[in-house]
Amino acid sequence: MHEMQALPRDKRATYAELQASARALVSGERDAIANAANLAALLYWSLPDLNWAGFYLMERADGDLVLGPFQGKPACVRIPVGRGVCGTAAERRRTVLVPDVHAFPGHIACDSASNSEIVVPILRAGRLVGVLDLDSPVLARFDEADAEGLEALVRIYVESLEAPAGNPSPGP
């Protein structure tokens, strides 16, 4: 696990700062992988009590979530939609906040140190393109303020993929 930072009392202020940093990181860049990599690093090194932060992206061929850019220990490579926390968020197309992963039916344990998790689906033009996944060794680490903040960061990521007219966007 990386060095811990104290989270300010107002999580919304923290996420507002993260949004400004995220916009600066993706400004002018349309590559889905490059932007996901920078956002995973931003989250991992900015938020306390994380042991994993990253993306799973939809594979068009078979519809599984496939490991994308992340920070943390090596992770599960492929997750079927509907399985585990990531697959559940993908299937429901809404954020899934799990205070205790050990109590979540079908949880996929990539890192035994993880105790709580939040997964935000990534939708682009109504199509699921992946999920943002954060894990913590702390039980009940994530709350509604985290959900709102991470959903805003996902919107910034999706906006970064939108290319000017006539210039197709790479990636998901």
C-alpha atoms as a PDB file:
ATOM      1  CA  MET A   1       0.000   0.000   0.000  1.00  0.00           C
ATOM      2  CA  HIS A   2       1.192   3.516  -0.745  1.00  0.00           C
ATOM      3  CA  GLU A   3       1.841   6.215   1.801  1.00  0.00           C
ATOM      4  CA  MET A   4      -1.335   7.470   3.453  1.00  0.00           C
ATOM      5  CA  GLN A   5      -2.489  11.053   3.236  1.00  0.00           C
ATOM      6  CA  ALA A   6      -5.002  12.596   5.611  1.00  0.00           C
ATOM      7  CA  LEU A   7      -8.334  13.257   3.952  1.00  0.00           C
ATOM      8  CA  PRO A   8      -9.611  16.762   4.637  1.00  0.00           C
ATOM      9  CA  ARG A   9     -12.877  17.009   6.572  1.00  0.00           C
ATOM     10  CA  ASP A  10     -14.742  18.101   3.452  1.00  0.00           C
ATOM     11  CA  LYS A  11     -14.482  15.319   0.891  1.00  0.00           C
ATOM     12  CA  ARG A  12     -16.354  17.424  -1.647  1.00  0.00           C
ATOM     13  CA  ALA A  13     -13.537  19.992  -1.555  1.00  0.00           C
ATOM     14  CA  THR A  14     -11.017  17.200  -2.084  1.00  0.00           C
ATOM     15  CA  TYR A  15     -12.942  15.925  -5.079  1.00  0.00           C
ATOM     16  CA  ALA A  16     -13.289  19.455  -6.476  1.00  0.00           C
ATOM     17  CA  GLU A  17      -9.480  19.710  -6.390  1.00  0.00           C
ATOM     18  CA  LEU A  18      -9.184  16.264  -7.980  1.00  0.00           C
ATOM     19  CA  GLN A  19     -11.572  17.334 -10.738  1.00  0.00           C
ATOM     20  CA  ALA A  20      -9.435  20.374 -11.510  1.00  0.00           C
ATOM     21  CA  SER A  21      -6.321  18.186 -11.595  1.00  0.00           C
ATOM     22  CA  ALA A  22      -8.075  15.603 -13.769  1.00  0.00           C
ATOM     23  CA  ARG A  23      -9.184  18.235 -16.271  1.00  0.00           C
ATOM     24  CA  ALA A  24      -5.596  19.505 -16.495  1.00  0.00           C
ATOM     25  CA  LEU A  25      -4.240  15.972 -16.966  1.00  0.00           C
ATOM     26  CA  VAL A  26      -6.594  15.075 -19.826  1.00  0.00           C
ATOM     27  CA  SER A  27      -6.705  18.503 -21.455  1.00  0.00           C
ATOM     28  CA  GLY A  28      -6.020  18.161 -25.158  1.00  0.00           C
ATOM     29  CA  GLU A  29      -5.502  14.397 -24.987  1.00  0.00           C
ATOM     30  CA  ARG A  30      -8.055  12.009 -26.515  1.00  0.00           C
ATOM     31  CA  ASP A  31      -6.332   8.678 -25.954  1.00  0.00           C
ATOM     32  CA  ALA A  32      -8.506   6.502 -23.690  1.00  0.00           C
ATOM     33  CA  ILE A  33      -5.610   4.455 -22.274  1.00  0.00           C
ATOM     34  CA  ALA A  34      -3.321   7.416 -21.590  1.00  0.00           C
ATOM     35  CA  ASN A  35      -6.100   9.335 -19.835  1.00  0.00           C
ATOM     36  CA  ALA A  36      -7.188   6.304 -17.800  1.00  0.00           C
ATOM     37  CA  ALA A  37      -3.573   5.721 -16.741  1.00  0.00           C
ATOM     38  CA  ASN A  38      -3.146   9.284 -15.521  1.00  0.00           C
ATOM     39  CA  LEU A  39      -6.491   9.308 -13.718  1.00  0.00           C
ATOM     40  CA  ALA A  40      -5.740   5.982 -11.970  1.00  0.00           C
ATOM     41  CA  ALA A  41      -2.416   7.409 -10.757  1.00  0.00           C
ATOM     42  CA  LEU A  42      -4.050  10.675  -9.688  1.00  0.00           C
ATOM     43  CA  LEU A  43      -6.619   8.838  -7.565  1.00  0.00           C
ATOM     44  CA  TYR A  44      -4.192   6.322  -6.087  1.00  0.00           C
ATOM     45  CA  TRP A  45      -1.696   8.942  -4.985  1.00  0.00           C
ATOM     46  CA  SER A  46      -4.242  11.588  -3.917  1.00  0.00           C
ATOM     47  CA  LEU A  47      -6.792   9.635  -1.870  1.00  0.00           C
ATOM     48  CA  PRO A  48      -5.882   8.033   1.455  1.00  0.00           C
ATOM     49  CA  ASP A  49      -6.486   4.414   2.409  1.00  0.00           C
ATOM     50  CA  LEU A  50      -6.470   2.904  -1.085  1.00  0.00           C
ATOM     51  CA  ASN A  51      -4.693  -0.265  -2.081  1.00  0.00           C
ATOM     52  CA  TRP A  52      -5.938  -0.281  -5.687  1.00  0.00           C
ATOM     53  CA  ALA A  53      -7.325   2.247  -8.171  1.00  0.00           C
ATOM     54  CA  GLY A  54      -7.926   1.548 -11.807  1.00  0.00           C
ATOM     55  CA  PHE A  55     -10.037   0.784 -14.811  1.00  0.00           C
ATOM     56  CA  TYR A  56     -11.597  -2.282 -16.345  1.00  0.00           C
ATOM     57  CA  LEU A  57     -12.600  -1.720 -19.964  1.00  0.00           C
ATOM     58  CA  MET A  58     -15.236  -3.572 -21.988  1.00  0.00           C
ATOM     59  CA  GLU A  59     -13.851  -5.966 -24.523  1.00  0.00           C
ATOM     60  CA  ARG A  60     -16.070  -5.725 -27.545  1.00  0.00           C
ATOM     61  CA  ALA A  61     -15.427  -9.286 -28.731  1.00  0.00           C
ATOM     62  CA  ASP A  62     -16.938 -11.166 -25.778  1.00  0.00           C
ATOM     63  CA  GLY A  63     -18.340  -8.437 -23.545  1.00  0.00           C
ATOM     64  CA  ASP A  64     -16.088  -9.080 -20.528  1.00  0.00           C
ATOM     65  CA  LEU A  65     -14.440  -6.363 -18.484  1.00  0.00           C
ATOM     66  CA  VAL A  66     -10.692  -6.516 -19.125  1.00  0.00           C
ATOM     67  CA  LEU A  67      -8.011  -5.006 -16.912  1.00  0.00           C
ATOM     68  CA  GLY A  68      -6.968  -1.536 -17.967  1.00  0.00           C
ATOM     69  CA  PRO A  69      -4.630   1.065 -16.474  1.00  0.00           C
ATOM     70  CA  PHE A  70      -4.300   0.853 -12.689  1.00  0.00           C
ATOM     71  CA  GLN A  71      -2.147   1.516  -9.631  1.00  0.00           C
ATOM     72  CA  GLY A  72      -1.659  -1.162  -6.978  1.00  0.00           C
ATOM     73  CA  LYS A  73      -0.900  -4.870  -6.855  1.00  0.00           C
ATOM     74  CA  PRO A  74      -1.431  -7.080  -9.906  1.00  0.00           C
ATOM     75  CA  ALA A  75      -5.141  -7.685 -10.454  1.00  0.00           C
ATOM     76  CA  CYS A  76      -7.659 -10.042 -11.993  1.00  0.00           C
ATOM     77  CA  VAL A  77      -7.424  -9.718 -15.765  1.00  0.00           C
ATOM     78  CA  ARG A  78     -10.947 -10.578 -16.929  1.00  0.00           C
ATOM     79  CA  ILE A  79     -14.286 -10.136 -15.155  1.00  0.00           C
ATOM     80  CA  PRO A  80     -17.605 -11.227 -16.674  1.00  0.00           C
ATOM     81  CA  VAL A  81     -20.419  -8.670 -16.534  1.00  0.00           C
ATOM     82  CA  GLY A  82     -22.632  -9.526 -13.576  1.00  0.00           C
ATOM     83  CA  ARG A  83     -19.827 -11.124 -11.540  1.00  0.00           C
ATOM     84  CA  GLY A  84     -18.172  -9.498  -8.523  1.00  0.00           C
ATOM     85  CA  VAL A  85     -18.475  -5.833  -7.636  1.00  0.00           C
ATOM     86  CA  CYS A  86     -17.111  -4.627 -10.995  1.00  0.00           C
ATOM     87  CA  GLY A  87     -19.370  -6.893 -13.011  1.00  0.00           C
ATOM     88  CA  THR A  88     -22.374  -5.924 -10.888  1.00  0.00           C
ATOM     89  CA  ALA A  89     -21.763  -2.189 -11.422  1.00  0.00           C
ATOM     90  CA  ALA A  90     -21.380  -2.854 -15.149  1.00  0.00           C
ATOM     91  CA  GLU A  91     -24.587  -4.890 -15.299  1.00  0.00           C
ATOM     92  CA  ARG A  92     -26.626  -2.385 -13.244  1.00  0.00           C
ATOM     93  CA  ARG A  93     -24.991   0.620 -14.948  1.00  0.00           C
ATOM     94  CA  ARG A  94     -24.818   2.419 -11.612  1.00  0.00           C
ATOM     95  CA  THR A  95     -22.271   2.945  -8.860  1.00  0.00           C
ATOM     96  CA  VAL A  96     -21.885   0.087  -6.401  1.00  0.00           C
ATOM     97  CA  LEU A  97     -20.539   0.970  -2.950  1.00  0.00           C
ATOM     98  CA  VAL A  98     -19.534  -2.018  -0.788  1.00  0.00           C
ATOM     99  CA  PRO A  99     -18.582  -1.324   2.860  1.00  0.00           C
ATOM    100  CA  ASP A 100     -17.446  -4.945   3.434  1.00  0.00           C
ATOM    101  CA  VAL A 101     -16.440  -6.943   0.367  1.00  0.00           C
ATOM    102  CA  HIS A 102     -16.424 -10.156   2.389  1.00  0.00           C
ATOM    103  CA  ALA A 103     -20.193  -9.804   2.795  1.00  0.00           C
ATOM    104  CA  PHE A 104     -20.757  -9.175  -0.944  1.00  0.00           C
ATOM    105  CA  PRO A 105     -22.068 -12.319  -2.687  1.00  0.00           C
ATOM    106  CA  GLY A 106     -19.669 -13.394  -5.438  1.00  0.00           C
ATOM    107  CA  HIS A 107     -16.926 -10.913  -4.525  1.00  0.00           C
ATOM    108  CA  ILE A 108     -13.775 -11.549  -6.568  1.00  0.00           C
ATOM    109  CA  ALA A 109     -10.763 -11.286  -4.263  1.00  0.00           C
ATOM    110  CA  CYS A 110      -7.846 -10.064  -6.356  1.00  0.00           C
ATOM    111  CA  ASP A 111      -6.079  -8.737  -3.248  1.00  0.00           C
ATOM    112  CA  SER A 112      -6.888 -10.325   0.107  1.00  0.00           C
ATOM    113  CA  ALA A 113      -6.047  -7.002   1.812  1.00  0.00           C
ATOM    114  CA  SER A 114      -9.105  -5.313   0.277  1.00  0.00           C
ATOM    115  CA  ASN A 115     -12.013  -4.818   2.667  1.00  0.00           C
ATOM    116  CA  SER A 116     -14.180  -2.205   0.941  1.00  0.00           C
ATOM    117  CA  GLU A 117     -14.736  -1.201  -2.661  1.00  0.00           C
ATOM    118  CA  ILE A 118     -16.501   1.289  -4.886  1.00  0.00           C
ATOM    119  CA  VAL A 119     -17.086   0.796  -8.609  1.00  0.00           C
ATOM    120  CA  VAL A 120     -18.416   3.461 -10.997  1.00  0.00           C
ATOM    121  CA  PRO A 121     -19.647   2.462 -14.460  1.00  0.00           C
ATOM    122  CA  ILE A 122     -18.308   4.402 -17.427  1.00  0.00           C
ATOM    123  CA  LEU A 123     -21.006   5.184 -19.986  1.00  0.00           C
ATOM    124  CA  ARG A 124     -20.347   6.881 -23.304  1.00  0.00           C
ATOM    125  CA  ALA A 125     -23.317   7.800 -25.501  1.00  0.00           C
ATOM    126  CA  GLY A 126     -25.395   5.335 -23.498  1.00  0.00           C
ATOM    127  CA  ARG A 127     -22.944   2.478 -24.071  1.00  0.00           C
ATOM    128  CA  LEU A 128     -21.001   0.836 -21.246  1.00  0.00           C
ATOM    129  CA  VAL A 129     -17.284   1.196 -21.968  1.00  0.00           C
ATOM    130  CA  GLY A 130     -15.892   0.078 -18.607  1.00  0.00           C
ATOM    131  CA  VAL A 131     -15.745   0.755 -14.884  1.00  0.00           C
ATOM    132  CA  LEU A 132     -13.582   2.700 -12.454  1.00  0.00           C
ATOM    133  CA  ASP A 133     -12.702   0.539  -9.436  1.00  0.00           C
ATOM    134  CA  LEU A 134     -11.212   1.622  -6.090  1.00  0.00           C
ATOM    135  CA  ASP A 135     -10.350  -0.791  -3.266  1.00  0.00           C
ATOM    136  CA  SER A 136      -9.391  -0.083   0.335  1.00  0.00           C
ATOM    137  CA  PRO A 137      -8.012  -2.145   3.211  1.00  0.00           C
ATOM    138  CA  VAL A 138     -10.315  -0.098   5.490  1.00  0.00           C
ATOM    139  CA  LEU A 139     -13.869  -1.327   6.088  1.00  0.00           C
ATOM    140  CA  ALA A 140     -16.542   1.194   5.022  1.00  0.00           C
ATOM    141  CA  ARG A 141     -13.881   3.482   3.480  1.00  0.00           C
ATOM    142  CA  PHE A 142     -16.224   4.837   0.790  1.00  0.00           C
ATOM    143  CA  ASP A 143     -19.434   6.841   1.158  1.00  0.00           C
ATOM    144  CA  GLU A 144     -21.863   8.887  -0.935  1.00  0.00           C
ATOM    145  CA  ALA A 145     -19.414  11.806  -1.143  1.00  0.00           C
ATOM    146  CA  ASP A 146     -16.891   9.419  -2.723  1.00  0.00           C
ATOM    147  CA  ALA A 147     -19.563   8.137  -5.104  1.00  0.00           C
ATOM    148  CA  GLU A 148     -20.452  11.665  -6.216  1.00  0.00           C
ATOM    149  CA  GLY A 149     -16.815  12.705  -6.561  1.00  0.00           C
ATOM    150  CA  LEU A 150     -15.808   9.612  -8.525  1.00  0.00           C
ATOM    151  CA  GLU A 151     -18.856   9.879 -10.790  1.00  0.00           C
ATOM    152  CA  ALA A 152     -17.781  13.444 -11.624  1.00  0.00           C
ATOM    153  CA  LEU A 153     -14.258  12.214 -12.417  1.00  0.00           C
ATOM    154  CA  VAL A 154     -15.696   9.525 -14.689  1.00  0.00           C
ATOM    155  CA  ARG A 155     -17.634  12.226 -16.550  1.00  0.00           C
ATOM    156  CA  ILE A 156     -14.369  14.140 -17.048  1.00  0.00           C
ATOM    157  CA  TYR A 157     -12.786  10.950 -18.410  1.00  0.00           C
ATOM    158  CA  VAL A 158     -15.672  10.401 -20.851  1.00  0.00           C
ATOM    159  CA  GLU A 159     -15.534  14.041 -21.963  1.00  0.00           C
ATOM    160  CA  SER A 160     -11.816  13.588 -22.684  1.00  0.00           C
ATOM    161  CA  LEU A 161     -12.668  10.864 -25.197  1.00  0.00           C
ATOM    162  CA  GLU A 162     -14.906  13.135 -27.249  1.00  0.00           C
ATOM    163  CA  ALA A 163     -12.976  14.142 -30.319  1.00  0.00           C
ATOM    164  CA  PRO A 164     -13.708  17.158 -32.518  1.00  0.00           C
ATOM    165  CA  ALA A 165     -16.059  16.487 -35.449  1.00  0.00           C
ATOM    166  CA  GLY A 166     -14.447  14.455 -38.197  1.00  0.00           C
ATOM    167  CA  ASN A 167     -11.684  13.147 -35.935  1.00  0.00           C
ATOM    168  CA  PRO A 168     -12.620   9.720 -34.531  1.00  0.00           C
ATOM    169  CA  SER A 169     -11.669   9.053 -30.954  1.00  0.00           C
ATOM    170  CA  PRO A 170      -9.411   6.109 -30.165  1.00  0.00           C
ATOM    171  CA  GLY A 171     -10.249   3.670 -27.409  1.00  0.00           C
ATOM    172  CA  PRO A 172     -13.486   2.428 -25.935  1.00  0.00           C
END
